[in-house]
């Protein structure tokens, strides 16, 4: 194992101090409450910023050798916060962590001869299989100072307390609504995500003294966020092009607040003059338009961008291929917000989604005229030769794009073609693996465009044929080895309705007997 240098050791400890929750799934966040430093033989007040600087400093330039840290661990479930103390000793290359709770083990970390030495009273497995791998990873990681800190604009303790309260008040009833409406989407993801966003907005509004007279959630979808905020005493409305099944299950007050109406950017008018906050919660094609619509009304906005689109409604065209597509789109929406005159705040939410970066426009420059905003919009549309009347963000009836609208013979031919490509990639006819890119390159443009327009692409096609293909590590696609019915969970067992693909097409046939296979032989 490579030796750990002292600078790497302190880098890992610096990350550990702020990220203990990465080592314990029961902890939501760490809040540093006090920092003291030992200087000239006495303890005096310091700060988290000074500690952070000392951890990065050249050892020969440090002016103090010991820091004492007080912190709170915020639990994910209802219960008291856990107090803790950390000691950083630069001379001994030593960090010790003690907790005022028997539920969490005290531990210490020391650097000896280039290796982490870990100690605790009774939890050696946690030290070796959780703490050590994290410390090694953190010691080698490159720190991105530009990365937006999670929940940087709100009081994390207040947010965590409110989020837990909202879960307790609303989650069970919302789960029942989901079952009644027979929604196919994952209830836990959507419920917990929107409860987290509601908690964030409530704390943010309180801290910034910008509570809305009324809000409007544009592209509100199932209306869940509107319902929760209404239930918590915040007046507001939701607009969407299509009514959802869940709407009819909400209380009458919320039902009145949900409006089935297309948001067409250049013709849209709010039905309620008291709205002073716009919300875009994963609002897809509306994302780049939200700052524009807010700017025209000179009101605040909260935006959680999701699927990337241009103002014209076309798919987003990359500006900077050196960063991820999501970061590229986020920068574009930030630019649009600046052009609309907003001084932008950014934050990273803690929600069950990969799209967690939020933009907030709370303060708009008085010098930014509406005429400048409209000129920018027209210039953007002109790039794509789009006139105002041609902007069409979404149809009222959503097309089905899950392979069910593609001719079965076309699907079967594509599946067989991909199957044979993978089959020929290895002498062992069950161990073939191919990268997704190589599979896509082997298909014609006509095959790719046809499948993409109707079912979302070749990856969706293969996911739908999960009895034939399996997704492996490294973006590789392989052939799934059939399992006997006895090895399948009870919920996966079905009455035999289809012929066995392997019996028909695999050169070695199906490895299972007729009685073991889930399909007809």
Protein backbone atom coordinates (compact mmCIF):
# COMPACT_ATOMS: atom_id res chain seq x y z
CA UNK A 1 0.00 0.00 0.00
CA UNK A 2 1.36 3.44 -0.99
CA UNK A 3 2.54 5.65 1.86
CA UNK A 4 0.23 8.47 2.93
CA UNK A 5 1.98 11.83 3.15
CA UNK A 6 1.28 14.23 6.01
CA UNK A 7 -0.51 16.73 3.76
CA UNK A 8 -2.74 13.91 2.47
CA UNK A 9 -3.43 12.78 6.04
CA UNK A 10 -4.67 16.23 7.06
CA UNK A 11 -6.66 16.57 3.85
CA UNK A 12 -8.51 13.35 4.76
CA UNK A 13 -9.07 14.55 8.35
CA UNK A 14 -10.40 17.88 7.08
CA UNK A 15 -12.99 16.06 4.96
CA UNK A 16 -13.83 13.68 7.83
CA UNK A 17 -14.53 16.55 10.25
CA UNK A 18 -17.21 17.99 7.94
CA UNK A 19 -18.51 14.70 6.54
CA UNK A 20 -18.97 12.24 9.38
CA UNK A 21 -22.44 11.57 7.91
CA UNK A 22 -20.67 9.85 4.99
CA UNK A 23 -19.58 7.16 7.47
CA UNK A 24 -22.91 6.67 9.22
CA UNK A 25 -26.17 6.37 7.25
CA UNK A 26 -28.21 7.33 10.31
CA UNK A 27 -26.67 10.82 10.35
CA UNK A 28 -27.99 13.57 8.08
CA UNK A 29 -25.32 16.25 8.56
CA UNK A 30 -22.55 17.55 10.82
CA UNK A 31 -22.79 21.07 12.27
CA UNK A 32 -19.64 22.57 13.78
CA UNK A 33 -20.67 24.60 16.84
CA UNK A 34 -17.33 25.73 18.30
CA UNK A 35 -13.63 25.77 17.42
CA UNK A 36 -10.84 26.63 19.85
CA UNK A 37 -7.09 26.68 19.31
CA UNK A 38 -4.18 26.17 21.68
CA UNK A 39 -1.77 29.06 21.41
CA UNK A 40 0.95 30.15 23.83
CA UNK A 41 -0.13 27.44 26.27
CA UNK A 42 -3.80 28.50 26.48
CA UNK A 43 -7.05 27.80 24.62
CA UNK A 44 -8.62 30.71 22.76
CA UNK A 45 -11.54 31.13 20.37
CA UNK A 46 -11.04 30.22 16.73
CA UNK A 47 -13.29 29.42 13.76
CA UNK A 48 -14.04 26.63 11.29
CA UNK A 49 -12.42 28.76 8.57
CA UNK A 50 -9.14 29.11 10.52
CA UNK A 51 -9.12 25.36 11.22
CA UNK A 52 -9.69 24.63 7.53
CA UNK A 53 -6.80 26.92 6.56
CA UNK A 54 -4.48 25.31 9.14
CA UNK A 55 -5.27 21.81 7.82
CA UNK A 56 -4.11 22.93 4.35
CA UNK A 57 -1.10 24.95 5.56
CA UNK A 58 2.56 24.07 5.27
CA UNK A 59 3.52 22.42 8.64
CA UNK A 60 6.42 24.88 9.04
CA UNK A 61 4.08 27.88 8.86
CA UNK A 62 1.44 26.76 11.38
CA UNK A 63 1.15 29.11 14.38
CA UNK A 64 -0.83 26.71 16.59
CA UNK A 65 -0.53 22.98 17.11
CA UNK A 66 -3.86 21.87 18.63
CA UNK A 67 -7.49 22.61 17.75
CA UNK A 68 -10.54 21.48 19.75
CA UNK A 69 -13.81 21.17 17.83
CA UNK A 70 -17.37 21.01 19.17
CA UNK A 71 -20.04 19.68 16.83
CA UNK A 72 -23.54 18.24 16.53
CA UNK A 73 -24.57 15.18 14.55
CA UNK A 74 -28.08 15.68 13.15
CA UNK A 75 -29.94 12.33 12.96
CA UNK A 76 -32.12 11.48 9.97
CA UNK A 77 -34.91 10.16 12.19
CA UNK A 78 -36.74 12.00 14.95
CA UNK A 79 -34.60 12.23 18.06
CA UNK A 80 -32.09 14.40 19.85
CA UNK A 81 -28.95 15.69 18.14
CA UNK A 82 -25.74 13.93 19.22
CA UNK A 83 -22.97 16.14 20.60
CA UNK A 84 -19.34 15.38 19.88
CA UNK A 85 -15.81 16.68 20.36
CA UNK A 86 -12.84 16.42 18.04
CA UNK A 87 -9.16 17.09 18.80
CA UNK A 88 -6.67 17.90 16.05
CA UNK A 89 -3.03 17.57 17.14
CA UNK A 90 -0.64 18.62 14.36
CA UNK A 91 2.55 17.69 16.24
CA UNK A 92 1.41 14.10 16.85
CA UNK A 93 -0.39 13.74 13.47
CA UNK A 94 -3.42 12.68 15.48
CA UNK A 95 -7.20 13.16 15.38
CA UNK A 96 -9.57 11.94 18.09
CA UNK A 97 -13.35 11.97 18.01
CA UNK A 98 -15.58 11.47 21.08
CA UNK A 99 -19.37 11.41 21.24
CA UNK A 100 -21.79 12.09 24.10
CA UNK A 101 -23.83 9.01 23.17
CA UNK A 102 -23.38 5.28 23.64
CA UNK A 103 -24.92 4.66 20.22
CA UNK A 104 -21.81 5.95 18.39
CA UNK A 105 -18.31 4.64 19.02
CA UNK A 106 -15.42 6.99 19.87
CA UNK A 107 -12.40 6.59 17.61
CA UNK A 108 -8.98 8.02 16.82
CA UNK A 109 -6.81 8.27 13.70
CA UNK A 110 -3.03 8.60 13.70
CA UNK A 111 -0.41 8.75 10.93
CA UNK A 112 2.47 6.33 11.63
CA UNK A 113 5.13 5.55 9.02
CA UNK A 114 2.92 6.64 6.17
CA UNK A 115 -0.13 4.57 7.21
CA UNK A 116 -3.43 5.29 8.95
CA UNK A 117 -3.55 3.75 12.43
CA UNK A 118 -7.16 3.50 13.61
CA UNK A 119 -8.38 2.78 17.12
CA UNK A 120 -11.74 2.30 18.84
CA UNK A 121 -12.86 0.29 21.87
CA UNK A 122 -15.15 -2.24 20.25
CA UNK A 123 -15.80 -1.64 16.56
CA UNK A 124 -12.85 -3.02 14.51
CA UNK A 125 -15.01 -3.97 11.51
CA UNK A 126 -16.28 -0.39 11.13
CA UNK A 127 -12.71 0.92 11.34
CA UNK A 128 -11.39 -1.46 8.67
CA UNK A 129 -14.30 -1.67 6.24
CA UNK A 130 -15.88 1.79 6.51
CA UNK A 131 -13.48 4.37 7.99
CA UNK A 132 -10.17 3.20 6.45
CA UNK A 133 -11.43 3.03 2.81
CA UNK A 134 -12.98 6.49 3.16
CA UNK A 135 -9.82 8.02 4.62
CA UNK A 136 -7.68 6.48 1.85
CA UNK A 137 -10.08 7.79 -0.78
CA UNK A 138 -10.25 11.28 0.77
CA UNK A 139 -6.45 11.45 1.12
CA UNK A 140 -6.09 10.92 -2.65
CA UNK A 141 -9.02 13.04 -3.82
CA UNK A 142 -8.71 16.38 -5.58
CA UNK A 143 -10.60 19.08 -3.77
CA UNK A 144 -12.87 21.18 -5.97
CA UNK A 145 -13.16 24.52 -4.18
CA UNK A 146 -15.71 25.76 -6.74
CA UNK A 147 -18.22 23.00 -5.91
CA UNK A 148 -21.47 24.36 -4.49
CA UNK A 149 -21.89 23.30 -0.85
CA UNK A 150 -25.03 21.33 0.03
CA UNK A 151 -27.72 23.43 1.77
CA UNK A 152 -25.37 26.39 1.90
CA UNK A 153 -28.14 29.01 1.97
CA UNK A 154 -30.24 27.62 4.83
CA UNK A 155 -29.80 26.72 8.48
CA UNK A 156 -29.18 22.98 8.19
CA UNK A 157 -30.45 22.16 11.69
CA UNK A 158 -33.75 23.99 11.13
CA UNK A 159 -34.09 22.38 7.71
CA UNK A 160 -33.48 18.86 9.06
CA UNK A 161 -35.96 19.33 11.91
CA UNK A 162 -38.65 20.63 9.55
CA UNK A 163 -38.04 17.90 6.97
CA UNK A 164 -38.53 15.21 9.63
CA UNK A 165 -41.72 16.92 10.82
CA UNK A 166 -43.10 17.10 7.27
CA UNK A 167 -42.38 13.40 6.74
CA UNK A 168 -44.21 12.57 9.94
CA UNK A 169 -47.21 14.77 9.05
CA UNK A 170 -47.63 13.94 5.37
CA UNK A 171 -45.82 10.84 4.10
CA UNK A 172 -48.25 8.10 5.21
CA UNK A 173 -51.31 9.84 3.79
CA UNK A 174 -49.50 10.62 0.53
CA UNK A 175 -48.46 6.97 0.18
CA UNK A 176 -52.13 6.01 0.47
CA UNK A 177 -53.02 8.56 -2.25
CA UNK A 178 -50.40 6.97 -4.49
CA UNK A 179 -51.93 3.53 -4.06
CA UNK A 180 -55.46 4.84 -4.64
CA UNK A 181 -54.44 6.65 -7.82
CA UNK A 182 -52.53 3.53 -8.97
CA UNK A 183 -49.54 5.71 -9.88
CA UNK A 184 -46.75 3.77 -11.60
CA UNK A 185 -43.98 6.13 -10.39
CA UNK A 186 -41.91 5.43 -7.27
CA UNK A 187 -43.87 7.03 -4.40
CA UNK A 188 -40.96 7.21 -1.93
CA UNK A 189 -38.74 9.08 -4.39
CA UNK A 190 -41.37 11.67 -5.32
CA UNK A 191 -42.84 12.10 -1.84
CA UNK A 192 -39.51 12.45 -0.02
CA UNK A 193 -38.10 14.68 -2.76
CA UNK A 194 -41.01 17.14 -2.70
CA UNK A 195 -41.16 17.13 1.11
CA UNK A 196 -37.44 18.03 1.12
CA UNK A 197 -38.00 20.83 -1.41
CA UNK A 198 -40.94 22.14 0.64
CA UNK A 199 -38.82 22.14 3.82
CA UNK A 200 -36.02 23.94 1.96
CA UNK A 201 -38.32 26.66 0.60
CA UNK A 202 -40.02 27.25 3.96
CA UNK A 203 -36.68 27.68 5.77
CA UNK A 204 -35.25 29.80 2.94
CA UNK A 205 -38.28 32.10 2.86
CA UNK A 206 -38.09 32.55 6.62
CA UNK A 207 -34.33 33.25 6.66
CA UNK A 208 -34.41 35.71 3.76
CA UNK A 209 -37.65 37.35 4.97
CA UNK A 210 -39.13 36.76 1.53
CA UNK A 211 -42.24 34.69 2.39
CA UNK A 212 -44.53 34.73 -0.61
CA UNK A 213 -47.92 36.39 -0.67
CA UNK A 214 -48.57 33.56 -3.12
CA UNK A 215 -46.44 31.27 -5.27
CA UNK A 216 -47.02 29.61 -8.64
CA UNK A 217 -45.42 26.24 -9.47
CA UNK A 218 -45.15 26.11 -13.26
CA UNK A 219 -45.18 22.57 -14.65
CA UNK A 220 -46.35 21.25 -11.26
CA UNK A 221 -46.95 17.67 -12.50
CA UNK A 222 -48.64 15.65 -9.76
CA UNK A 223 -49.13 18.82 -7.66
CA UNK A 224 -47.48 17.30 -4.60
CA UNK A 225 -45.27 20.30 -3.78
CA UNK A 226 -48.24 22.68 -4.11
CA UNK A 227 -50.31 20.46 -1.81
CA UNK A 228 -47.63 20.27 0.91
CA UNK A 229 -46.92 24.03 0.86
CA UNK A 230 -50.68 24.76 0.96
CA UNK A 231 -51.07 22.38 3.91
CA UNK A 232 -48.23 24.21 5.72
CA UNK A 233 -50.04 27.52 5.39
CA UNK A 234 -48.51 28.95 2.20
CA UNK A 235 -50.92 30.24 -0.42
CA UNK A 236 -50.03 29.11 -3.92
CA UNK A 237 -51.04 27.54 -7.20
CA UNK A 238 -49.87 24.91 -9.63
CA UNK A 239 -50.07 25.01 -13.42
CA UNK A 240 -49.69 22.03 -15.71
CA UNK A 241 -50.78 21.19 -19.23
CA UNK A 242 -52.39 17.94 -18.04
CA UNK A 243 -54.44 17.09 -14.98
CA UNK A 244 -53.01 14.17 -12.99
CA UNK A 245 -54.91 11.37 -11.22
CA UNK A 246 -53.53 12.49 -7.84
CA UNK A 247 -55.14 15.93 -8.12
CA UNK A 248 -58.61 14.60 -7.32
CA UNK A 249 -57.35 12.99 -4.08
CA UNK A 250 -56.03 16.20 -2.53
CA UNK A 251 -58.20 18.33 -0.19
CA UNK A 252 -60.67 20.72 -1.93
CA UNK A 253 -58.45 23.73 -1.17
CA UNK A 254 -55.54 22.19 -3.07
CA UNK A 255 -57.76 21.00 -5.93
CA UNK A 256 -58.86 24.61 -6.47
CA UNK A 257 -55.22 25.66 -6.57
CA UNK A 258 -54.24 23.22 -9.36
CA UNK A 259 -54.94 24.60 -12.82
CA UNK A 260 -54.92 22.57 -16.04
CA UNK A 261 -53.45 25.10 -18.43
CA UNK A 262 -50.57 25.21 -20.91
CA UNK A 263 -47.73 27.55 -19.99
CA UNK A 264 -46.93 29.12 -23.37
CA UNK A 265 -44.11 31.57 -22.63
CA UNK A 266 -45.13 34.52 -24.78
CA UNK A 267 -48.87 34.28 -24.13
CA UNK A 268 -48.95 33.03 -20.54
CA UNK A 269 -50.63 35.15 -17.90
CA UNK A 270 -50.96 34.31 -14.23
CA UNK A 271 -54.58 34.15 -13.05
CA UNK A 272 -53.65 35.52 -9.62
CA UNK A 273 -52.13 39.02 -9.22
CA UNK A 274 -50.78 38.32 -5.72
CA UNK A 275 -48.16 35.77 -6.94
CA UNK A 276 -44.67 37.01 -6.09
CA UNK A 277 -42.69 33.73 -6.35
CA UNK A 278 -42.37 31.37 -9.32
CA UNK A 279 -41.27 27.77 -8.72
CA UNK A 280 -39.77 25.47 -11.35
CA UNK A 281 -39.39 22.02 -9.80
CA UNK A 282 -37.94 19.77 -12.53
CA UNK A 283 -40.05 21.70 -15.01
CA UNK A 284 -38.33 20.27 -18.11
CA UNK A 285 -38.90 22.52 -21.16
CA UNK A 286 -39.96 25.43 -18.94
CA UNK A 287 -36.64 25.53 -17.05
CA UNK A 288 -34.87 28.18 -19.20
CA UNK A 289 -38.09 30.21 -19.40
CA UNK A 290 -38.67 30.49 -15.65
CA UNK A 291 -36.20 33.40 -15.10
CA UNK A 292 -37.70 35.12 -18.16
CA UNK A 293 -41.28 34.80 -16.89
CA UNK A 294 -40.21 35.94 -13.40
CA UNK A 295 -38.26 38.87 -14.88
CA UNK A 296 -41.26 40.05 -16.90
CA UNK A 297 -43.30 40.13 -13.68
CA UNK A 298 -40.37 41.45 -11.59
CA UNK A 299 -40.84 38.71 -8.96
CA UNK A 300 -38.65 36.08 -7.27
CA UNK A 301 -38.04 32.55 -8.52
CA UNK A 302 -36.74 29.16 -7.39
CA UNK A 303 -35.55 26.82 -10.13
CA UNK A 304 -34.37 23.21 -9.98
CA UNK A 305 -33.35 22.59 -13.61
CA UNK A 306 -33.79 19.09 -14.95
CA UNK A 307 -34.01 17.98 -18.59
CA UNK A 308 -31.99 20.35 -20.82
CA UNK A 309 -33.91 22.45 -23.37
CA UNK A 310 -33.36 25.67 -25.28
CA UNK A 311 -35.76 28.62 -25.07
CA UNK A 312 -37.09 27.48 -28.45
CA UNK A 313 -38.22 24.16 -26.93
CA UNK A 314 -35.52 22.27 -28.85
CA UNK A 315 -33.14 19.92 -27.08
CA UNK A 316 -30.24 21.80 -25.49
CA UNK A 317 -27.14 22.23 -27.65
CA UNK A 318 -23.89 21.85 -25.75
CA UNK A 319 -21.76 24.99 -25.26
CA UNK A 320 -18.89 23.43 -23.30
CA UNK A 321 -18.06 19.75 -23.81
CA UNK A 322 -15.31 19.86 -21.14
CA UNK A 323 -17.94 19.63 -18.41
CA UNK A 324 -20.98 17.38 -17.97
CA UNK A 325 -24.13 18.00 -20.01
CA UNK A 326 -26.01 18.87 -16.80
CA UNK A 327 -23.35 21.40 -15.67
CA UNK A 328 -23.35 22.90 -19.17
CA UNK A 329 -27.12 23.36 -19.10
CA UNK A 330 -27.01 24.73 -15.55
CA UNK A 331 -24.51 27.38 -16.66
CA UNK A 332 -26.77 28.25 -19.60
CA UNK A 333 -29.81 28.75 -17.33
CA UNK A 334 -27.62 30.81 -14.98
CA UNK A 335 -26.64 33.01 -17.93
CA UNK A 336 -30.31 33.43 -18.90
CA UNK A 337 -31.05 34.46 -15.28
CA UNK A 338 -28.29 37.08 -15.35
CA UNK A 339 -29.60 38.42 -18.66
CA UNK A 340 -32.99 38.79 -16.98
CA UNK A 341 -31.37 41.06 -14.39
CA UNK A 342 -31.16 38.72 -11.41
CA UNK A 343 -28.37 38.48 -8.87
CA UNK A 344 -28.26 34.70 -8.67
CA UNK A 345 -27.83 32.51 -5.62
CA UNK A 346 -26.92 28.84 -6.06
CA UNK A 347 -27.41 25.91 -3.73
CA UNK A 348 -27.21 22.12 -3.76
CA UNK A 349 -30.24 20.34 -2.31
CA UNK A 350 -30.19 16.99 -0.49
CA UNK A 351 -32.87 15.13 -2.43
CA UNK A 352 -33.13 11.65 -4.01
CA UNK A 353 -32.25 12.97 -7.48
CA UNK A 354 -29.11 13.46 -9.54
CA UNK A 355 -30.40 16.92 -10.52
CA UNK A 356 -29.89 18.76 -7.23
CA UNK A 357 -28.48 22.17 -8.15
CA UNK A 358 -30.89 25.04 -7.53
CA UNK A 359 -30.96 28.63 -8.78
CA UNK A 360 -32.62 31.41 -6.80
CA UNK A 361 -33.45 34.83 -8.11
CA UNK A 362 -34.40 36.97 -5.10
CA UNK A 363 -32.93 40.32 -6.04
CA UNK A 364 -33.32 41.91 -9.47
CA UNK A 365 -31.23 44.83 -10.65
CA UNK A 366 -33.37 47.94 -11.04
CA UNK A 367 -31.16 49.05 -13.93
CA UNK A 368 -32.11 46.01 -16.06
CA UNK A 369 -34.92 47.15 -18.35
CA UNK A 370 -37.60 44.76 -19.61
CA UNK A 371 -36.60 45.82 -23.12
CA UNK A 372 -33.11 44.35 -22.57
CA UNK A 373 -34.65 41.09 -21.39
CA UNK A 374 -36.93 40.85 -24.44
CA UNK A 375 -34.04 41.65 -26.80
CA UNK A 376 -32.02 38.77 -25.29
CA UNK A 377 -34.95 36.36 -25.69
CA UNK A 378 -35.48 37.32 -29.34
CA UNK A 379 -31.76 36.93 -30.08
CA UNK A 380 -31.80 33.43 -28.54
CA UNK A 381 -34.83 32.44 -30.59
CA UNK A 382 -33.31 33.92 -33.74
CA UNK A 383 -30.33 31.53 -33.42
CA UNK A 384 -32.76 28.66 -34.00
CA UNK A 385 -34.90 30.57 -36.54
CA UNK A 386 -37.85 30.30 -34.16
CA UNK A 387 -40.62 32.90 -34.15
CA UNK A 388 -42.71 33.61 -31.06
CA UNK A 389 -45.75 31.87 -32.49
CA UNK A 390 -43.70 28.72 -33.21
CA UNK A 391 -42.64 28.09 -29.60
CA UNK A 392 -44.34 24.84 -28.63
CA UNK A 393 -42.95 23.32 -25.48
CA UNK A 394 -45.18 20.28 -25.00
CA UNK A 395 -48.33 18.64 -26.36
CA UNK A 396 -51.36 18.16 -24.10
CA UNK A 397 -51.41 14.42 -24.84
CA UNK A 398 -48.05 12.85 -24.02
CA UNK A 399 -46.83 10.27 -26.52
CA UNK A 400 -45.95 6.81 -25.28
CA UNK A 401 -42.23 6.16 -25.72
CA UNK A 402 -41.59 2.75 -24.22
CA UNK A 403 -41.33 0.51 -27.31
CA UNK A 404 -45.05 -0.33 -27.30
CA UNK A 405 -45.64 1.94 -30.31
CA UNK A 406 -42.94 0.33 -32.47
CA UNK A 407 -43.86 -2.49 -34.83
CA UNK A 408 -43.11 -5.81 -33.09
CA UNK A 409 -41.24 -7.22 -36.10
CA UNK A 410 -38.84 -4.21 -36.01
CA UNK A 411 -38.23 -4.70 -32.27
CA UNK A 412 -37.66 -8.45 -32.68
CA UNK A 413 -35.19 -7.91 -35.54
CA UNK A 414 -33.20 -5.34 -33.53
CA UNK A 415 -33.11 -7.52 -30.42
CA UNK A 416 -31.89 -10.49 -32.47
CA UNK A 417 -29.22 -8.38 -34.19
CA UNK A 418 -27.86 -7.06 -30.87
CA UNK A 419 -28.03 -10.57 -29.35
CA UNK A 420 -25.90 -12.01 -32.18
CA UNK A 421 -23.36 -9.17 -31.88
CA UNK A 422 -22.84 -9.96 -28.19
CA UNK A 423 -22.92 -13.71 -28.84
CA UNK A 424 -20.05 -13.44 -31.36
CA UNK A 425 -17.88 -11.32 -29.03
CA UNK A 426 -16.70 -14.30 -26.97
CA UNK A 427 -15.99 -17.97 -27.62
CA UNK A 428 -17.98 -18.83 -24.52
CA UNK A 429 -21.49 -18.15 -25.79
CA UNK A 430 -22.74 -17.06 -22.37
CA UNK A 431 -19.91 -14.67 -21.46
CA UNK A 432 -20.03 -12.16 -24.32
CA UNK A 433 -19.85 -8.47 -23.35
CA UNK A 434 -19.91 -5.35 -25.54
CA UNK A 435 -19.78 -1.62 -24.72
CA UNK A 436 -22.95 0.33 -25.42
CA UNK A 437 -21.05 2.55 -27.88
CA UNK A 438 -19.92 -0.45 -29.97
CA UNK A 439 -23.49 -1.79 -30.13
CA UNK A 440 -24.81 1.61 -31.26
CA UNK A 441 -22.09 1.88 -33.94
CA UNK A 442 -23.10 -1.51 -35.35
CA UNK A 443 -26.67 -0.33 -36.01
CA UNK A 444 -27.73 1.72 -39.03
CA UNK A 445 -28.81 5.36 -38.73
CA UNK A 446 -32.34 4.33 -39.69
CA UNK A 447 -32.47 1.72 -36.94
CA UNK A 448 -31.14 4.15 -34.32
CA UNK A 449 -33.37 7.10 -35.26
CA UNK A 450 -36.50 4.93 -35.47
CA UNK A 451 -36.00 3.40 -32.07
CA UNK A 452 -34.97 6.72 -30.46
CA UNK A 453 -38.04 8.59 -31.67
CA UNK A 454 -40.42 5.99 -30.31
CA UNK A 455 -38.88 4.41 -27.22
CA UNK A 456 -36.17 6.69 -25.95
CA UNK A 457 -33.19 4.86 -27.48
CA UNK A 458 -31.37 1.57 -27.67
CA UNK A 459 -30.69 1.44 -23.92
CA UNK A 460 -34.42 1.57 -23.16
CA UNK A 461 -35.03 -1.20 -25.70
CA UNK A 462 -32.50 -3.47 -23.98
CA UNK A 463 -33.79 -2.65 -20.50
CA UNK A 464 -37.25 -3.68 -21.67
CA UNK A 465 -35.76 -7.00 -22.84
CA UNK A 466 -34.29 -7.74 -19.41
CA UNK A 467 -34.90 -11.48 -19.84
CA UNK A 468 -32.33 -11.44 -22.69
CA UNK A 469 -29.80 -8.72 -21.81
CA UNK A 470 -28.09 -7.62 -18.60
CA UNK A 471 -26.27 -4.38 -17.81
CA UNK A 472 -22.79 -5.01 -16.41
CA UNK A 473 -20.15 -2.80 -14.83
CA UNK A 474 -18.30 -0.38 -17.09
CA UNK A 475 -21.29 0.32 -19.38
CA UNK A 476 -21.04 -3.21 -20.82
CA UNK A 477 -24.02 -5.20 -22.08
CA UNK A 478 -24.08 -8.98 -21.72
CA UNK A 479 -26.39 -11.93 -22.24
CA UNK A 480 -28.39 -12.82 -19.17
CA UNK A 481 -28.01 -16.40 -17.95
CA UNK A 482 -31.52 -17.83 -17.38
CA UNK A 483 -32.36 -18.69 -13.78
CA UNK A 484 -34.58 -21.62 -12.78
CA UNK A 485 -37.97 -20.58 -11.42
CA UNK A 486 -37.04 -21.96 -7.98
CA UNK A 487 -34.30 -19.28 -7.75
CA UNK A 488 -36.63 -16.40 -8.61
CA UNK A 489 -38.46 -14.31 -5.99
CA UNK A 490 -42.16 -15.19 -5.72
CA UNK A 491 -43.12 -11.77 -7.10
CA UNK A 492 -41.19 -12.51 -10.32
CA UNK A 493 -43.03 -15.75 -11.08
CA UNK A 494 -45.63 -15.50 -13.83
CA UNK A 495 -47.77 -17.85 -15.89
CA UNK A 496 -45.88 -18.95 -19.01
CA UNK A 497 -47.13 -16.89 -21.94
CA UNK A 498 -44.14 -16.40 -24.26
CA UNK A 499 -41.70 -18.68 -26.02
CA UNK A 500 -38.20 -19.00 -24.58
CA UNK A 501 -35.86 -16.66 -26.49
CA UNK A 502 -32.81 -18.83 -25.78
CA UNK A 503 -34.55 -22.03 -26.84
CA UNK A 504 -35.27 -20.38 -30.20
CA UNK A 505 -32.11 -18.35 -30.83
CA UNK A 506 -29.14 -19.41 -28.70
CA UNK A 507 -26.82 -21.91 -30.47
CA UNK A 508 -26.65 -23.96 -27.27
CA UNK A 509 -30.35 -23.62 -26.58
CA UNK A 510 -31.76 -22.87 -23.14
CA UNK A 511 -29.67 -24.33 -20.29
CA UNK A 512 -32.83 -24.98 -18.27
CA UNK A 513 -35.30 -27.81 -18.42
CA UNK A 514 -38.84 -27.00 -19.52
CA UNK A 515 -40.07 -27.35 -15.93
CA UNK A 516 -37.42 -24.90 -14.65
CA UNK A 517 -37.78 -22.17 -17.29
CA UNK A 518 -40.15 -19.21 -16.95
CA UNK A 519 -40.92 -19.37 -20.68
CA UNK A 520 -42.46 -21.94 -23.03
CA UNK A 521 -40.06 -24.52 -24.53
